[in-house]
Amino acid sequence: PDLNGHEKYGLGNVKYNISRIRVTAVEFPSASISLLPGTGIKLVIANASLTMDMNWSLRTWMFKDTGRSTVYISKVFATAIFSMPLDPTGHTLISLTSCRTTSGDIDIKLHGKS
């Protein structure tokens, strides 16, 4: 979905719009799944990366600008634990019980008129 809003900086407001967000690349160079006896499944993703392209626009009382942007997020680490209890009919349910994610680097390239 598009992101719209405004923020107050110094003497005025900055209105922004981020649209046409598109994921162009995802890499999972190291991922593992292990069983946790009596608990469920543990998923670990290490050193993942994500690239996104988007349109952006900014407007203040002094200027306005629009353009494209590329965002590269790297060194992403995620650990998730899923429990797998049985429902009353004996079918397996999957529920996320724990999730932790960190990212190391974010590189943002803005291409605009100014």
PDB file of N, CA and C in Angstrom:
ATOM      1  N   PRO A   1       0.826  -1.208   0.000  1.00  0.00           N
ATOM      2  CA  PRO A   1       0.000   0.000   0.000  1.00  0.00           C
ATOM      3  C   PRO A   1       0.867   1.267   0.000  1.00  0.00           C
ATOM      4  N   ASP A   2       0.294   2.341  -0.498  1.00  0.00           N
ATOM      5  CA  ASP A   2       0.989   3.631  -0.507  1.00  0.00           C
ATOM      6  C   ASP A   2       1.099   4.175   0.919  1.00  0.00           C
ATOM      7  N   LEU A   3       2.121   4.987   1.150  1.00  0.00           N
ATOM      8  CA  LEU A   3       2.322   5.640   2.445  1.00  0.00           C
ATOM      9  C   LEU A   3       2.165   7.146   2.248  1.00  0.00           C
ATOM     10  N   ASN A   4       1.280   7.761   3.012  1.00  0.00           N
ATOM     11  CA  ASN A   4       1.048   9.199   2.949  1.00  0.00           C
ATOM     12  C   ASN A   4       1.085   9.751   4.357  1.00  0.00           C
ATOM     13  N   GLY A   5       1.530  10.997   4.490  1.00  0.00           N
ATOM     14  CA  GLY A   5       1.498  11.609   5.808  1.00  0.00           C
ATOM     15  C   GLY A   5       2.191  12.942   5.820  1.00  0.00           C
ATOM     16  N   HIS A   6       2.377  13.447   7.021  1.00  0.00           N
ATOM     17  CA  HIS A   6       3.104  14.700   7.193  1.00  0.00           C
ATOM     18  C   HIS A   6       3.840  14.668   8.525  1.00  0.00           C
ATOM     19  N   GLU A   7       4.925  15.383   8.540  1.00  0.00           N
ATOM     20  CA  GLU A   7       5.760  15.510   9.731  1.00  0.00           C
ATOM     21  C   GLU A   7       6.083  16.978   9.935  1.00  0.00           C
ATOM     22  N   LYS A   8       6.199  17.393  11.179  1.00  0.00           N
ATOM     23  CA  LYS A   8       6.546  18.785  11.489  1.00  0.00           C
ATOM     24  C   LYS A   8       8.047  18.873  11.744  1.00  0.00           C
ATOM     25  N   TYR A   9       8.716  19.717  10.977  1.00  0.00           N
ATOM     26  CA  TYR A   9      10.148  19.952  11.127  1.00  0.00           C
ATOM     27  C   TYR A   9      10.382  21.444  11.203  1.00  0.00           C
ATOM     28  N   GLY A  10      11.004  21.903  12.256  1.00  0.00           N
ATOM     29  CA  GLY A  10      11.355  23.312  12.376  1.00  0.00           C
ATOM     30  C   GLY A  10      10.158  24.234  12.239  1.00  0.00           C
ATOM     31  N   LEU A  11      10.140  25.029  11.190  1.00  0.00           N
ATOM     32  CA  LEU A  11       9.110  26.039  11.002  1.00  0.00           C
ATOM     33  C   LEU A  11       7.924  25.583  10.159  1.00  0.00           C
ATOM     34  N   GLY A  12       7.922  24.346   9.691  1.00  0.00           N
ATOM     35  CA  GLY A  12       6.814  23.956   8.828  1.00  0.00           C
ATOM     36  C   GLY A  12       6.589  22.469   8.767  1.00  0.00           C
ATOM     37  N   ASN A  13       5.578  22.108   8.007  1.00  0.00           N
ATOM     38  CA  ASN A  13       5.226  20.709   7.809  1.00  0.00           C
ATOM     39  C   ASN A  13       5.829  20.192   6.508  1.00  0.00           C
ATOM     40  N   VAL A  14       6.167  18.927   6.501  1.00  0.00           N
ATOM     41  CA  VAL A  14       6.607  18.239   5.297  1.00  0.00           C
ATOM     42  C   VAL A  14       5.551  17.187   4.991  1.00  0.00           C
ATOM     43  N   LYS A  15       4.920  17.308   3.840  1.00  0.00           N
ATOM     44  CA  LYS A  15       3.959  16.300   3.402  1.00  0.00           C
ATOM     45  C   LYS A  15       4.687  15.345   2.472  1.00  0.00           C
ATOM     46  N   TYR A  16       4.432  14.048   2.654  1.00  0.00           N
ATOM     47  CA  TYR A  16       5.112  13.059   1.826  1.00  0.00           C
ATOM     48  C   TYR A  16       4.122  12.035   1.294  1.00  0.00           C
ATOM     49  N   ASN A  17       4.500  11.431   0.177  1.00  0.00           N
ATOM     50  CA  ASN A  17       3.739  10.345  -0.418  1.00  0.00           C
ATOM     51  C   ASN A  17       4.746   9.364  -0.997  1.00  0.00           C
ATOM     52  N   ILE A  18       4.625   8.116  -0.620  1.00  0.00           N
ATOM     53  CA  ILE A  18       5.452   7.046  -1.172  1.00  0.00           C
ATOM     54  C   ILE A  18       4.493   6.067  -1.833  1.00  0.00           C
ATOM     55  N   SER A  19       4.669   5.845  -3.129  1.00  0.00           N
ATOM     56  CA  SER A  19       3.718   5.020  -3.874  1.00  0.00           C
ATOM     57  C   SER A  19       4.437   4.025  -4.782  1.00  0.00           C
ATOM     58  N   ARG A  20       3.660   3.112  -5.308  1.00  0.00           N
ATOM     59  CA  ARG A  20       4.165   2.071  -6.217  1.00  0.00           C
ATOM     60  C   ARG A  20       5.376   1.346  -5.636  1.00  0.00           C
ATOM     61  N   ILE A  21       5.251   0.959  -4.368  1.00  0.00           N
ATOM     62  CA  ILE A  21       6.320   0.214  -3.703  1.00  0.00           C
ATOM     63  C   ILE A  21       6.360  -1.186  -4.294  1.00  0.00           C
ATOM     64  N   ARG A  22       7.531  -1.577  -4.757  1.00  0.00           N
ATOM     65  CA  ARG A  22       7.668  -2.868  -5.424  1.00  0.00           C
ATOM     66  C   ARG A  22       8.949  -3.543  -4.964  1.00  0.00           C
ATOM     67  N   VAL A  23       8.835  -4.776  -4.490  1.00  0.00           N
ATOM     68  CA  VAL A  23      10.004  -5.569  -4.106  1.00  0.00           C
ATOM     69  C   VAL A  23      10.595  -6.135  -5.392  1.00  0.00           C
ATOM     70  N   THR A  24      11.867  -5.822  -5.645  1.00  0.00           N
ATOM     71  CA  THR A  24      12.511  -6.261  -6.893  1.00  0.00           C
ATOM     72  C   THR A  24      13.488  -7.409  -6.693  1.00  0.00           C
ATOM     73  N   ALA A  25      13.934  -7.620  -5.454  1.00  0.00           N
ATOM     74  CA  ALA A  25      14.860  -8.733  -5.195  1.00  0.00           C
ATOM     75  C   ALA A  25      14.828  -9.112  -3.719  1.00  0.00           C
ATOM     76  N   VAL A  26      14.895 -10.406  -3.468  1.00  0.00           N
ATOM     77  CA  VAL A  26      14.994 -10.947  -2.111  1.00  0.00           C
ATOM     78  C   VAL A  26      16.016 -12.071  -2.157  1.00  0.00           C
ATOM     79  N   GLU A  27      16.942 -12.069  -1.205  1.00  0.00           N
ATOM     80  CA  GLU A  27      17.945 -13.134  -1.136  1.00  0.00           C
ATOM     81  C   GLU A  27      17.998 -13.714   0.265  1.00  0.00           C
ATOM     82  N   PHE A  28      17.995 -15.047   0.343  1.00  0.00           N
ATOM     83  CA  PHE A  28      18.136 -15.783   1.594  1.00  0.00           C
ATOM     84  C   PHE A  28      19.348 -16.702   1.468  1.00  0.00           C
ATOM     85  N   PRO A  29      20.570 -16.177   1.613  1.00  0.00           N
ATOM     86  CA  PRO A  29      21.743 -17.022   1.413  1.00  0.00           C
ATOM     87  C   PRO A  29      21.919 -18.098   2.480  1.00  0.00           C
ATOM     88  N   SER A  30      21.332 -17.888   3.651  1.00  0.00           N
ATOM     89  CA  SER A  30      21.471 -18.877   4.714  1.00  0.00           C
ATOM     90  C   SER A  30      20.151 -18.977   5.472  1.00  0.00           C
ATOM     91  N   ALA A  31      19.494 -20.117   5.331  1.00  0.00           N
ATOM     92  CA  ALA A  31      18.235 -20.353   6.043  1.00  0.00           C
ATOM     93  C   ALA A  31      18.228 -21.791   6.539  1.00  0.00           C
ATOM     94  N   SER A  32      17.674 -21.982   7.741  1.00  0.00           N
ATOM     95  CA  SER A  32      17.595 -23.340   8.280  1.00  0.00           C
ATOM     96  C   SER A  32      16.291 -23.517   9.051  1.00  0.00           C
ATOM     97  N   ILE A  33      15.823 -24.750   9.075  1.00  0.00           N
ATOM     98  CA  ILE A  33      14.628 -25.127   9.831  1.00  0.00           C
ATOM     99  C   ILE A  33      15.011 -26.293  10.723  1.00  0.00           C
ATOM    100  N   SER A  34      14.624 -26.198  12.001  1.00  0.00           N
ATOM    101  CA  SER A  34      14.903 -27.305  12.909  1.00  0.00           C
ATOM    102  C   SER A  34      13.676 -27.592  13.753  1.00  0.00           C
ATOM    103  N   LEU A  35      13.560 -28.843  14.191  1.00  0.00           N
ATOM    104  CA  LEU A  35      12.462 -29.248  15.059  1.00  0.00           C
ATOM    105  C   LEU A  35      12.823 -28.984  16.510  1.00  0.00           C
ATOM    106  N   LEU A  36      11.874 -28.456  17.274  1.00  0.00           N
ATOM    107  CA  LEU A  36      12.052 -28.237  18.707  1.00  0.00           C
ATOM    108  C   LEU A  36      11.114 -29.201  19.418  1.00  0.00           C
ATOM    109  N   PRO A  37      11.632 -30.304  19.965  1.00  0.00           N
ATOM    110  CA  PRO A  37      10.769 -31.310  20.591  1.00  0.00           C
ATOM    111  C   PRO A  37       9.849 -30.701  21.647  1.00  0.00           C
ATOM    112  N   GLY A  38       8.580 -31.003  21.535  1.00  0.00           N
ATOM    113  CA  GLY A  38       7.585 -30.517  22.476  1.00  0.00           C
ATOM    114  C   GLY A  38       7.159 -29.070  22.239  1.00  0.00           C
ATOM    115  N   THR A  39       7.775 -28.402  21.266  1.00  0.00           N
ATOM    116  CA  THR A  39       7.455 -26.998  21.006  1.00  0.00           C
ATOM    117  C   THR A  39       6.945 -26.785  19.594  1.00  0.00           C
ATOM    118  N   GLY A  40       7.740 -27.141  18.597  1.00  0.00           N
ATOM    119  CA  GLY A  40       7.344 -26.922  17.217  1.00  0.00           C
ATOM    120  C   GLY A  40       8.534 -26.823  16.297  1.00  0.00           C
ATOM    121  N   ILE A  41       8.581 -25.751  15.523  1.00  0.00           N
ATOM    122  CA  ILE A  41       9.604 -25.570  14.497  1.00  0.00           C
ATOM    123  C   ILE A  41      10.304 -24.225  14.707  1.00  0.00           C
ATOM    124  N   LYS A  42      11.616 -24.218  14.486  1.00  0.00           N
ATOM    125  CA  LYS A  42      12.398 -22.984  14.554  1.00  0.00           C
ATOM    126  C   LYS A  42      12.945 -22.687  13.164  1.00  0.00           C
ATOM    127  N   LEU A  43      12.686 -21.474  12.672  1.00  0.00           N
ATOM    128  CA  LEU A  43      13.179 -21.019  11.381  1.00  0.00           C
ATOM    129  C   LEU A  43      14.202 -19.924  11.636  1.00  0.00           C
ATOM    130  N   VAL A  44      15.398 -20.067  11.051  1.00  0.00           N
ATOM    131  CA  VAL A  44      16.455 -19.063  11.196  1.00  0.00           C
ATOM    132  C   VAL A  44      16.892 -18.636   9.801  1.00  0.00           C
ATOM    133  N   ILE A  45      16.870 -17.325   9.568  1.00  0.00           N
ATOM    134  CA  ILE A  45      17.337 -16.749   8.311  1.00  0.00           C
ATOM    135  C   ILE A  45      18.475 -15.802   8.663  1.00  0.00           C
ATOM    136  N   ALA A  46      19.613 -15.981   7.997  1.00  0.00           N
ATOM    137  CA  ALA A  46      20.788 -15.154   8.290  1.00  0.00           C
ATOM    138  C   ALA A  46      21.284 -14.460   7.034  1.00  0.00           C
ATOM    139  N   ASN A  47      21.685 -13.221   7.204  1.00  0.00           N
ATOM    140  CA  ASN A  47      22.315 -12.425   6.157  1.00  0.00           C
ATOM    141  C   ASN A  47      21.446 -12.276   4.908  1.00  0.00           C
ATOM    142  N   ALA A  48      20.160 -12.101   5.100  1.00  0.00           N
ATOM    143  CA  ALA A  48      19.244 -11.909   3.981  1.00  0.00           C
ATOM    144  C   ALA A  48      19.313 -10.457   3.499  1.00  0.00           C
ATOM    145  N   SER A  49      18.778 -10.219   2.298  1.00  0.00           N
ATOM    146  CA  SER A  49      18.729  -8.853   1.776  1.00  0.00           C
ATOM    147  C   SER A  49      17.446  -8.657   0.974  1.00  0.00           C
ATOM    148  N   LEU A  50      17.079  -7.383   0.802  1.00  0.00           N
ATOM    149  CA  LEU A  50      15.834  -7.020   0.137  1.00  0.00           C
ATOM    150  C   LEU A  50      16.067  -5.721  -0.616  1.00  0.00           C
ATOM    151  N   THR A  51      15.588  -5.658  -1.866  1.00  0.00           N
ATOM    152  CA  THR A  51      15.668  -4.436  -2.653  1.00  0.00           C
ATOM    153  C   THR A  51      14.260  -4.031  -3.061  1.00  0.00           C
ATOM    154  N   MET A  52      13.940  -2.727  -2.883  1.00  0.00           N
ATOM    155  CA  MET A  52      12.628  -2.201  -3.245  1.00  0.00           C
ATOM    156  C   MET A  52      12.797  -0.941  -4.084  1.00  0.00           C
ATOM    157  N   ASP A  53      11.890  -0.746  -5.043  1.00  0.00           N
ATOM    158  CA  ASP A  53      11.793   0.490  -5.812  1.00  0.00           C
ATOM    159  C   ASP A  53      10.479   1.156  -5.469  1.00  0.00           C
ATOM    160  N   MET A  54      10.443   2.490  -5.556  1.00  0.00           N
ATOM    161  CA  MET A  54       9.210   3.210  -5.240  1.00  0.00           C
ATOM    162  C   MET A  54       9.259   4.613  -5.828  1.00  0.00           C
ATOM    163  N   ASN A  55       8.088   5.235  -5.936  1.00  0.00           N
ATOM    164  CA  ASN A  55       7.973   6.652  -6.278  1.00  0.00           C
ATOM    165  C   ASN A  55       7.825   7.427  -4.983  1.00  0.00           C
ATOM    166  N   TRP A  56       8.272   8.678  -4.966  1.00  0.00           N
ATOM    167  CA  TRP A  56       8.125   9.505  -3.776  1.00  0.00           C
ATOM    168  C   TRP A  56       7.836  10.936  -4.182  1.00  0.00           C
ATOM    169  N   SER A  57       7.203  11.660  -3.280  1.00  0.00           N
ATOM    170  CA  SER A  57       7.012  13.095  -3.462  1.00  0.00           C
ATOM    171  C   SER A  57       7.033  13.760  -2.087  1.00  0.00           C
ATOM    172  N   LEU A  58       7.616  14.959  -2.057  1.00  0.00           N
ATOM    173  CA  LEU A  58       7.694  15.773  -0.839  1.00  0.00           C
ATOM    174  C   LEU A  58       7.164  17.162  -1.164  1.00  0.00           C
ATOM    175  N   ARG A  59       6.503  17.766  -0.179  1.00  0.00           N
ATOM    176  CA  ARG A  59       6.013  19.127  -0.356  1.00  0.00           C
ATOM    177  C   ARG A  59       6.135  19.877   0.962  1.00  0.00           C
ATOM    178  N   THR A  60       6.749  21.053   0.898  1.00  0.00           N
ATOM    179  CA  THR A  60       6.819  21.957   2.045  1.00  0.00           C
ATOM    180  C   THR A  60       6.319  23.322   1.587  1.00  0.00           C
ATOM    181  N   TRP A  61       6.320  24.285   2.476  1.00  0.00           N
ATOM    182  CA  TRP A  61       5.893  25.632   2.091  1.00  0.00           C
ATOM    183  C   TRP A  61       6.892  26.282   1.147  1.00  0.00           C
ATOM    184  N   MET A  62       8.145  25.750   1.111  1.00  0.00           N
ATOM    185  CA  MET A  62       9.183  26.336   0.255  1.00  0.00           C
ATOM    186  C   MET A  62       9.357  25.637  -1.085  1.00  0.00           C
ATOM    187  N   PHE A  63       9.187  24.319  -1.128  1.00  0.00           N
ATOM    188  CA  PHE A  63       9.446  23.590  -2.365  1.00  0.00           C
ATOM    189  C   PHE A  63       8.638  22.305  -2.415  1.00  0.00           C
ATOM    190  N   LYS A  64       8.639  21.711  -3.612  1.00  0.00           N
ATOM    191  CA  LYS A  64       8.104  20.369  -3.769  1.00  0.00           C
ATOM    192  C   LYS A  64       8.995  19.628  -4.750  1.00  0.00           C
ATOM    193  N   ASP A  65       9.068  18.332  -4.576  1.00  0.00           N
ATOM    194  CA  ASP A  65       9.914  17.515  -5.432  1.00  0.00           C
ATOM    195  C   ASP A  65       9.318  16.120  -5.528  1.00  0.00           C
ATOM    196  N   THR A  66       9.584  15.452  -6.624  1.00  0.00           N
ATOM    197  CA  THR A  66       9.136  14.077  -6.837  1.00  0.00           C
ATOM    198  C   THR A  66      10.271  13.289  -7.463  1.00  0.00           C
ATOM    199  N   GLY A  67      10.191  11.983  -7.380  1.00  0.00           N
ATOM    200  CA  GLY A  67      11.207  11.158  -8.004  1.00  0.00           C
ATOM    201  C   GLY A  67      11.006   9.682  -7.720  1.00  0.00           C
ATOM    202  N   ARG A  68      12.054   8.932  -7.991  1.00  0.00           N
ATOM    203  CA  ARG A  68      12.082   7.498  -7.746  1.00  0.00           C
ATOM    204  C   ARG A  68      13.128   7.231  -6.676  1.00  0.00           C
ATOM    205  N   SER A  69      12.981   6.079  -6.015  1.00  0.00           N
ATOM    206  CA  SER A  69      13.925   5.703  -4.980  1.00  0.00           C
ATOM    207  C   SER A  69      14.165   4.204  -5.027  1.00  0.00           C
ATOM    208  N   THR A  70      15.381   3.822  -4.687  1.00  0.00           N
ATOM    209  CA  THR A  70      15.730   2.421  -4.513  1.00  0.00           C
ATOM    210  C   THR A  70      16.225   2.246  -3.085  1.00  0.00           C
ATOM    211  N   VAL A  71      15.661   1.274  -2.381  1.00  0.00           N
ATOM    212  CA  VAL A  71      16.040   0.986  -1.003  1.00  0.00           C
ATOM    213  C   VAL A  71      16.618  -0.423  -0.958  1.00  0.00           C
ATOM    214  N   TYR A  72      17.830  -0.541  -0.410  1.00  0.00           N
ATOM    215  CA  TYR A  72      18.492  -1.835  -0.268  1.00  0.00           C
ATOM    216  C   TYR A  72      18.713  -2.083   1.216  1.00  0.00           C
ATOM    217  N   ILE A  73      18.116  -3.140   1.741  1.00  0.00           N
ATOM    218  CA  ILE A  73      18.259  -3.521   3.144  1.00  0.00           C
ATOM    219  C   ILE A  73      19.077  -4.807   3.190  1.00  0.00           C
ATOM    220  N   SER A  74      20.178  -4.789   3.946  1.00  0.00           N
ATOM    221  CA  SER A  74      21.046  -5.969   3.990  1.00  0.00           C
ATOM    222  C   SER A  74      21.361  -6.349   5.429  1.00  0.00           C
ATOM    223  N   LYS A  75      22.009  -7.480   5.568  1.00  0.00           N
ATOM    224  CA  LYS A  75      22.367  -8.042   6.876  1.00  0.00           C
ATOM    225  C   LYS A  75      21.119  -8.233   7.738  1.00  0.00           C
ATOM    226  N   VAL A  76      20.080  -8.792   7.123  1.00  0.00           N
ATOM    227  CA  VAL A  76      18.829  -9.061   7.837  1.00  0.00           C
ATOM    228  C   VAL A  76      18.915 -10.442   8.473  1.00  0.00           C
ATOM    229  N   PHE A  77      18.610 -10.495   9.771  1.00  0.00           N
ATOM    230  CA  PHE A  77      18.604 -11.745  10.511  1.00  0.00           C
ATOM    231  C   PHE A  77      17.228 -11.915  11.136  1.00  0.00           C
ATOM    232  N   ALA A  78      16.652 -13.102  11.003  1.00  0.00           N
ATOM    233  CA  ALA A  78      15.318 -13.358  11.563  1.00  0.00           C
ATOM    234  C   ALA A  78      15.289 -14.748  12.182  1.00  0.00           C
ATOM    235  N   THR A  79      14.634 -14.832  13.337  1.00  0.00           N
ATOM    236  CA  THR A  79      14.394 -16.110  13.999  1.00  0.00           C
ATOM    237  C   THR A  79      12.917 -16.171  14.358  1.00  0.00           C
ATOM    238  N   ALA A  80      12.262 -17.248  13.944  1.00  0.00           N
ATOM    239  CA  ALA A  80      10.835 -17.417  14.237  1.00  0.00           C
ATOM    240  C   ALA A  80      10.616 -18.810  14.811  1.00  0.00           C
ATOM    241  N   ILE A  81       9.756 -18.886  15.810  1.00  0.00           N
ATOM    242  CA  ILE A  81       9.387 -20.176  16.393  1.00  0.00           C
ATOM    243  C   ILE A  81       7.891 -20.362  16.208  1.00  0.00           C
ATOM    244  N   PHE A  82       7.529 -21.510  15.637  1.00  0.00           N
ATOM    245  CA  PHE A  82       6.135 -21.850  15.381  1.00  0.00           C
ATOM    246  C   PHE A  82       5.738 -23.023  16.271  1.00  0.00           C
ATOM    247  N   SER A  83       4.612 -22.894  16.957  1.00  0.00           N
ATOM    248  CA  SER A  83       4.088 -24.041  17.706  1.00  0.00           C
ATOM    249  C   SER A  83       3.122 -24.789  16.793  1.00  0.00           C
ATOM    250  N   MET A  84       2.959 -26.069  17.058  1.00  0.00           N
ATOM    251  CA  MET A  84       2.122 -26.914  16.205  1.00  0.00           C
ATOM    252  C   MET A  84       1.201 -27.793  17.036  1.00  0.00           C
ATOM    253  N   PRO A  85       0.270 -27.192  17.776  1.00  0.00           N
ATOM    254  CA  PRO A  85      -0.655 -28.003  18.574  1.00  0.00           C
ATOM    255  C   PRO A  85      -1.735 -28.631  17.685  1.00  0.00           C
ATOM    256  N   LEU A  86      -2.430 -29.608  18.252  1.00  0.00           N
ATOM    257  CA  LEU A  86      -3.562 -30.223  17.558  1.00  0.00           C
ATOM    258  C   LEU A  86      -4.854 -29.558  18.011  1.00  0.00           C
ATOM    259  N   ASP A  87      -5.777 -29.355  17.067  1.00  0.00           N
ATOM    260  CA  ASP A  87      -7.088 -28.816  17.455  1.00  0.00           C
ATOM    261  C   ASP A  87      -7.953 -29.962  17.984  1.00  0.00           C
ATOM    262  N   PRO A  88      -9.156 -29.691  18.485  1.00  0.00           N
ATOM    263  CA  PRO A  88     -10.004 -30.747  19.062  1.00  0.00           C
ATOM    264  C   PRO A  88     -10.334 -31.896  18.111  1.00  0.00           C
ATOM    265  N   THR A  89     -10.240 -31.631  16.796  1.00  0.00           N
ATOM    266  CA  THR A  89     -10.537 -32.695  15.823  1.00  0.00           C
ATOM    267  C   THR A  89      -9.292 -33.470  15.422  1.00  0.00           C
ATOM    268  N   GLY A  90      -8.121 -33.086  15.962  1.00  0.00           N
ATOM    269  CA  GLY A  90      -6.881 -33.801  15.662  1.00  0.00           C
ATOM    270  C   GLY A  90      -6.074 -33.211  14.519  1.00  0.00           C
ATOM    271  N   HIS A  91      -6.532 -32.097  13.944  1.00  0.00           N
ATOM    272  CA  HIS A  91      -5.782 -31.446  12.875  1.00  0.00           C
ATOM    273  C   HIS A  91      -4.697 -30.545  13.470  1.00  0.00           C
ATOM    274  N   THR A  92      -3.583 -30.458  12.778  1.00  0.00           N
ATOM    275  CA  THR A  92      -2.464 -29.638  13.236  1.00  0.00           C
ATOM    276  C   THR A  92      -2.720 -28.161  12.955  1.00  0.00           C
ATOM    277  N   LEU A  93      -2.492 -27.339  13.957  1.00  0.00           N
ATOM    278  CA  LEU A  93      -2.548 -25.891  13.806  1.00  0.00           C
ATOM    279  C   LEU A  93      -1.119 -25.360  13.806  1.00  0.00           C
ATOM    280  N   ILE A  94      -0.874 -24.274  13.096  1.00  0.00           N
ATOM    281  CA  ILE A  94       0.445 -23.645  13.119  1.00  0.00           C
ATOM    282  C   ILE A  94       0.268 -22.226  13.622  1.00  0.00           C
ATOM    283  N   SER A  95       1.028 -21.882  14.655  1.00  0.00           N
ATOM    284  CA  SER A  95       0.907 -20.562  15.275  1.00  0.00           C
ATOM    285  C   SER A  95       2.295 -19.987  15.524  1.00  0.00           C
ATOM    286  N   LEU A  96       2.492 -18.721  15.163  1.00  0.00           N
ATOM    287  CA  LEU A  96       3.758 -18.041  15.423  1.00  0.00           C
ATOM    288  C   LEU A  96       3.809 -17.668  16.901  1.00  0.00           C
ATOM    289  N   THR A  97       4.786 -18.202  17.626  1.00  0.00           N
ATOM    290  CA  THR A  97       4.879 -17.919  19.058  1.00  0.00           C
ATOM    291  C   THR A  97       5.992 -16.934  19.399  1.00  0.00           C
ATOM    292  N   SER A  98       6.975 -16.797  18.503  1.00  0.00           N
ATOM    293  CA  SER A  98       8.082 -15.887  18.764  1.00  0.00           C
ATOM    294  C   SER A  98       8.698 -15.467  17.438  1.00  0.00           C
ATOM    295  N   CYS A  99       9.069 -14.195  17.347  1.00  0.00           N
ATOM    296  CA  CYS A  99       9.719 -13.705  16.130  1.00  0.00           C
ATOM    297  C   CYS A  99      10.645 -12.559  16.496  1.00  0.00           C
ATOM    298  N   ARG A 100      11.859 -12.616  15.987  1.00  0.00           N
ATOM    299  CA  ARG A 100      12.826 -11.534  16.215  1.00  0.00           C
ATOM    300  C   ARG A 100      13.556 -11.263  14.912  1.00  0.00           C
ATOM    301  N   THR A 101      13.630  -9.980  14.541  1.00  0.00           N
ATOM    302  CA  THR A 101      14.274  -9.589  13.296  1.00  0.00           C
ATOM    303  C   THR A 101      15.168  -8.375  13.540  1.00  0.00           C
ATOM    304  N   THR A 102      16.347  -8.389  12.934  1.00  0.00           N
ATOM    305  CA  THR A 102      17.236  -7.235  12.963  1.00  0.00           C
ATOM    306  C   THR A 102      17.765  -6.991  11.556  1.00  0.00           C
ATOM    307  N   SER A 103      18.080  -5.739  11.263  1.00  0.00           N
ATOM    308  CA  SER A 103      18.710  -5.430   9.975  1.00  0.00           C
ATOM    309  C   SER A 103      19.958  -4.605  10.252  1.00  0.00           C
ATOM    310  N   GLY A 104      20.977  -4.813   9.445  1.00  0.00           N
ATOM    311  CA  GLY A 104      22.250  -4.149   9.680  1.00  0.00           C
ATOM    312  C   GLY A 104      22.430  -2.871   8.901  1.00  0.00           C
ATOM    313  N   ASP A 105      22.171  -2.889   7.602  1.00  0.00           N
ATOM    314  CA  ASP A 105      22.434  -1.735   6.754  1.00  0.00           C
ATOM    315  C   ASP A 105      21.214  -1.413   5.903  1.00  0.00           C
ATOM    316  N   ILE A 106      20.956  -0.112   5.730  1.00  0.00           N
ATOM    317  CA  ILE A 106      19.916   0.352   4.820  1.00  0.00           C
ATOM    318  C   ILE A 106      20.534   1.423   3.945  1.00  0.00           C
ATOM    319  N   ASP A 107      20.471   1.218   2.639  1.00  0.00           N
ATOM    320  CA  ASP A 107      21.012   2.155   1.659  1.00  0.00           C
ATOM    321  C   ASP A 107      19.850   2.700   0.854  1.00  0.00           C
ATOM    322  N   ILE A 108      19.651   4.021   0.865  1.00  0.00           N
ATOM    323  CA  ILE A 108      18.548   4.654   0.153  1.00  0.00           C
ATOM    324  C   ILE A 108      19.116   5.584  -0.908  1.00  0.00           C
ATOM    325  N   LYS A 109      18.708   5.358  -2.150  1.00  0.00           N
ATOM    326  CA  LYS A 109      19.118   6.230  -3.247  1.00  0.00           C
ATOM    327  C   LYS A 109      17.874   6.968  -3.743  1.00  0.00           C
ATOM    328  N   LEU A 110      17.936   8.306  -3.696  1.00  0.00           N
ATOM    329  CA  LEU A 110      16.843   9.140  -4.163  1.00  0.00           C
ATOM    330  C   LEU A 110      17.209   9.748  -5.512  1.00  0.00           C
ATOM    331  N   HIS A 111      16.299   9.661  -6.458  1.00  0.00           N
ATOM    332  CA  HIS A 111      16.481  10.256  -7.775  1.00  0.00           C
ATOM    333  C   HIS A 111      15.319  11.207  -7.969  1.00  0.00           C
ATOM    334  N   GLY A 112      15.602  12.504  -7.996  1.00  0.00           N
ATOM    335  CA  GLY A 112      14.537  13.505  -8.108  1.00  0.00           C
ATOM    336  C   GLY A 112      14.940  14.646  -9.014  1.00  0.00           C
ATOM    337  N   LYS A 113      14.054  15.579  -9.128  1.00  0.00           N
ATOM    338  CA  LYS A 113      14.295  16.739  -9.994  1.00  0.00           C
ATOM    339  C   LYS A 113      15.312  17.690  -9.388  1.00  0.00           C
ATOM    340  N   SER A 114      15.294  17.821  -8.046  1.00  0.00           N
ATOM    341  CA  SER A 114      16.217  18.770  -7.403  1.00  0.00           C
ATOM    342  C   SER A 114      17.561  18.133  -7.264  1.00  0.00           C
TER     343      SER A 114
END
